[in-house]
Amino acid sequence: MSSEATPGDDLRISFSDDAVAKLHEVIVAYPEPLAGLRLKILGRSEGGFEHVLTLVEEGTESDDDPVIEVSGLRVYVEADNAQDLKGVSVDYRDKGPNESGLEFSNPNPIWRDPLALEIQNLFDEYVNPGVAAHGGHVSLIDVRDNKAYIQLGGGCQGCGMADVTLKQGIEVAIKEAVPSIEEVVDVTDHGAGDNPYYQPAKK
């Protein structure tokens, strides 16, 4: 049994009873006043969408985000990806104290833009298997106006060689595979990385 969004809401986002119970528990325990929760897409990979559900403190809400009410939960849906969040269902399974138990199911295609899908396939088949040797990964964030926006993670985030990897490896590969891409933009917050480039990937 699950709790559905309010009638007439075209986002059709749903939460299982277990998810609703756990989220209410988290909200009650939070020390600051909350406006609700925010559902967003962090990125995309071969396995599908990467979702996150965060707490929204009062006064930090985005006026652009659509809002739904589900079983007493007020949920702000990331405006930029609202179309790709339609129909998402959220469940909860207890996975222990150090791992999030939220599980997301998203029925939408990973990319609607054929150019973005082509770049994603390039990342999945060639780019990420290569950078994985250094504990890193590359995510495609968006494609618009002939620009590909990417984010480096893992061992690539904050690495001193990241710019070389981007300019001489990733950017060249993207432009060869998709000639209509004129620029590759790195949106990574490299200042937040721990520079673990030479550390082996965790098993």
Protein backbone atom coordinates (compact mmCIF):
# COMPACT_ATOMS: atom_id res chain seq x y z
CA MET A 1 0.00 0.00 0.00
CA SER A 2 1.31 3.49 -0.81
CA SER A 3 0.25 7.07 -0.24
CA GLU A 4 -0.41 9.01 -3.43
CA ALA A 5 -0.06 12.72 -4.11
CA THR A 6 -3.13 14.91 -3.85
CA PRO A 7 -5.76 14.46 -6.58
CA GLY A 8 -5.14 16.49 -9.74
CA ASP A 9 -1.39 16.63 -9.24
CA ASP A 10 0.15 15.73 -12.60
CA LEU A 11 3.53 14.81 -11.16
CA ARG A 12 2.10 11.56 -9.78
CA ILE A 13 4.88 11.16 -7.21
CA SER A 14 4.18 8.57 -4.54
CA PHE A 15 5.71 7.45 -1.23
CA SER A 16 5.30 4.05 0.36
CA ASP A 17 3.88 3.88 3.88
CA ASP A 18 7.35 2.94 5.19
CA ALA A 19 8.89 5.97 3.47
CA VAL A 20 6.22 8.31 4.85
CA ALA A 21 6.73 6.99 8.40
CA LYS A 22 10.53 7.33 8.22
CA LEU A 23 10.44 10.82 6.74
CA HIS A 24 8.00 12.05 9.38
CA GLU A 25 10.39 10.63 11.99
CA VAL A 26 13.32 12.55 10.47
CA ILE A 27 11.35 15.79 10.22
CA VAL A 28 10.20 15.65 13.85
CA ALA A 29 13.80 15.08 15.01
CA TYR A 30 15.26 17.98 12.99
CA PRO A 31 16.20 20.91 15.27
CA GLU A 32 15.26 23.77 12.88
CA PRO A 33 11.84 24.69 11.40
CA LEU A 34 11.32 22.96 8.07
CA ALA A 35 9.33 24.00 5.02
CA GLY A 36 9.36 20.46 3.68
CA LEU A 37 11.45 18.14 1.52
CA ARG A 38 13.04 18.60 -1.90
CA LEU A 39 13.19 15.86 -4.51
CA LYS A 40 15.85 16.33 -7.18
CA ILE A 41 18.01 14.51 -9.69
CA LEU A 42 21.72 14.52 -8.91
CA GLY A 43 22.80 12.93 -12.17
CA ARG A 44 22.43 10.08 -14.60
CA SER A 45 24.44 6.95 -15.16
CA GLU A 46 24.18 3.61 -16.91
CA GLY A 47 22.04 2.43 -14.02
CA GLY A 48 19.54 5.27 -14.45
CA PHE A 49 18.77 8.43 -12.52
CA GLU A 50 20.53 9.38 -9.28
CA HIS A 51 17.96 10.92 -6.92
CA VAL A 52 18.21 12.71 -3.62
CA LEU A 53 15.60 13.85 -1.11
CA THR A 54 16.77 16.68 1.13
CA LEU A 55 15.34 18.71 3.99
CA VAL A 56 14.30 22.29 3.18
CA GLU A 57 14.59 24.75 6.04
CA GLU A 58 12.05 27.56 6.26
CA GLY A 59 13.18 30.56 4.25
CA THR A 60 15.27 28.52 1.79
CA GLU A 61 12.45 27.34 -0.45
CA SER A 62 12.64 27.88 -4.22
CA ASP A 63 9.65 29.71 -5.67
CA ASP A 64 10.21 27.92 -8.98
CA ASP A 65 9.77 24.39 -7.62
CA PRO A 66 6.34 22.77 -7.99
CA VAL A 67 4.96 21.68 -4.62
CA ILE A 68 2.94 18.59 -3.78
CA GLU A 69 1.41 17.35 -0.54
CA VAL A 70 1.68 13.63 0.23
CA SER A 71 0.38 12.20 3.52
CA GLY A 72 1.36 15.28 5.48
CA LEU A 73 4.66 15.69 3.63
CA ARG A 74 5.26 18.90 1.73
CA VAL A 75 7.55 18.09 -1.20
CA TYR A 76 9.29 20.61 -3.45
CA VAL A 77 10.09 19.08 -6.83
CA GLU A 78 13.21 20.37 -8.59
CA ALA A 79 11.85 22.65 -11.30
CA ASP A 80 14.64 22.04 -13.83
CA ASN A 81 13.98 18.29 -13.79
CA ALA A 82 10.28 18.19 -12.95
CA GLN A 83 9.43 16.44 -16.23
CA ASP A 84 11.92 13.67 -15.43
CA LEU A 85 10.56 13.28 -11.89
CA LYS A 86 6.99 12.57 -12.95
CA GLY A 87 5.80 9.23 -11.67
CA VAL A 88 8.70 8.68 -9.26
CA SER A 89 7.94 6.37 -6.35
CA VAL A 90 9.90 6.45 -3.10
CA ASP A 91 10.28 3.50 -0.75
CA TYR A 92 12.26 2.93 2.44
CA ARG A 93 14.17 -0.12 3.59
CA ASP A 94 16.32 -0.24 6.71
CA LYS A 95 19.91 -0.67 5.51
CA GLY A 96 21.71 0.17 8.73
CA PRO A 97 22.83 3.40 10.46
CA ASN A 98 25.40 4.54 7.89
CA GLU A 99 23.46 4.07 4.66
CA SER A 100 20.38 5.80 3.33
CA GLY A 101 17.42 3.47 3.13
CA LEU A 102 15.47 5.49 0.57
CA GLU A 103 14.93 3.76 -2.77
CA PHE A 104 13.68 5.56 -5.87
CA SER A 105 11.92 4.12 -8.91
CA ASN A 106 11.74 6.37 -11.95
CA PRO A 107 9.75 5.35 -15.06
CA ASN A 108 11.14 8.11 -17.30
CA PRO A 109 13.75 7.67 -20.07
CA ILE A 110 17.19 8.64 -18.82
CA TRP A 111 17.54 11.28 -21.58
CA ARG A 112 14.94 12.66 -23.98
CA ASP A 113 17.51 14.52 -26.10
CA PRO A 114 19.20 12.14 -28.59
CA LEU A 115 22.47 14.10 -28.35
CA ALA A 116 22.49 13.70 -24.58
CA LEU A 117 21.74 10.00 -24.91
CA GLU A 118 24.65 9.60 -27.33
CA ILE A 119 27.02 11.30 -24.88
CA GLN A 120 25.67 9.20 -22.01
CA ASN A 121 26.37 6.03 -23.99
CA LEU A 122 29.91 7.30 -24.66
CA PHE A 123 30.43 7.81 -20.92
CA ASP A 124 29.00 4.41 -20.03
CA GLU A 125 30.93 2.43 -22.63
CA TYR A 126 34.28 4.21 -22.86
CA VAL A 127 34.90 7.21 -20.57
CA ASN A 128 33.82 5.89 -17.18
CA PRO A 129 35.51 2.48 -17.52
CA GLY A 130 38.75 4.41 -18.11
CA VAL A 131 38.53 6.89 -15.24
CA ALA A 132 37.24 4.17 -12.91
CA ALA A 133 40.81 2.87 -12.79
CA HIS A 134 41.60 5.98 -10.74
CA GLY A 135 38.47 5.77 -8.61
CA GLY A 136 36.67 8.47 -10.58
CA HIS A 137 33.52 8.85 -12.63
CA VAL A 138 32.01 11.40 -15.00
CA SER A 139 28.34 12.41 -15.05
CA LEU A 140 26.48 14.21 -17.81
CA ILE A 141 24.40 16.96 -16.21
CA ASP A 142 22.78 18.63 -19.21
CA VAL A 143 23.09 19.38 -22.92
CA ARG A 144 21.84 22.70 -24.24
CA ASP A 145 22.87 25.35 -26.76
CA ASN A 146 25.51 23.00 -28.22
CA LYS A 147 27.20 22.73 -24.83
CA ALA A 148 27.63 19.59 -22.73
CA TYR A 149 27.65 20.18 -18.97
CA ILE A 150 29.51 17.50 -17.04
CA GLN A 151 30.49 16.79 -13.45
CA LEU A 152 33.53 14.85 -12.26
CA GLY A 153 33.24 12.72 -9.13
CA GLY A 154 35.19 10.30 -7.00
CA GLY A 155 38.92 10.43 -7.63
CA CYS A 156 38.49 13.06 -10.36
CA GLN A 157 36.94 15.66 -8.04
CA GLY A 158 39.64 18.03 -6.81
CA CYS A 159 42.39 16.15 -8.66
CA GLY A 160 45.30 18.19 -9.99
CA MET A 161 45.06 16.25 -13.27
CA ALA A 162 41.34 16.84 -13.71
CA ASP A 163 41.77 19.69 -16.21
CA VAL A 164 44.11 17.57 -18.34
CA THR A 165 41.69 14.65 -18.17
CA LEU A 166 38.86 16.95 -19.24
CA LYS A 167 40.63 18.83 -22.05
CA GLN A 168 42.74 16.04 -23.55
CA GLY A 169 40.45 13.11 -22.89
CA ILE A 170 36.78 13.71 -22.15
CA GLU A 171 36.27 16.83 -24.28
CA VAL A 172 38.05 15.33 -27.29
CA ALA A 173 36.02 12.13 -27.03
CA ILE A 174 32.71 14.03 -26.80
CA LYS A 175 33.46 16.28 -29.77
CA GLU A 176 34.58 13.33 -31.90
CA ALA A 177 31.45 11.33 -31.05
CA VAL A 178 29.03 14.28 -31.26
CA PRO A 179 30.47 16.97 -33.60
CA SER A 180 27.61 19.38 -32.91
CA ILE A 181 28.91 19.89 -29.35
CA GLU A 182 30.97 23.08 -29.41
CA GLU A 183 31.94 23.32 -25.75
CA VAL A 184 32.25 21.04 -22.72
CA VAL A 185 31.60 22.80 -19.40
CA ASP A 186 32.87 21.33 -16.13
CA VAL A 187 30.45 22.23 -13.31
CA THR A 188 32.32 20.21 -10.66
CA ASP A 189 33.00 21.81 -7.28
CA HIS A 190 36.66 20.80 -7.23
CA GLY A 191 37.22 22.69 -3.99
CA ALA A 192 35.09 20.08 -2.21
CA GLY A 193 37.17 17.14 -3.44
CA ASP A 194 39.71 15.26 -1.33
CA ASN A 195 42.07 14.69 -4.29
CA PRO A 196 42.05 10.89 -3.97
CA TYR A 197 43.23 10.48 -7.57
CA TYR A 198 45.95 7.96 -6.79
CA GLN A 199 43.91 6.00 -4.27
CA PRO A 200 42.35 2.73 -5.44
CA ALA A 201 38.60 2.63 -5.91
CA LYS A 202 36.62 1.18 -3.03
CA LYS A 203 35.33 -2.32 -3.71
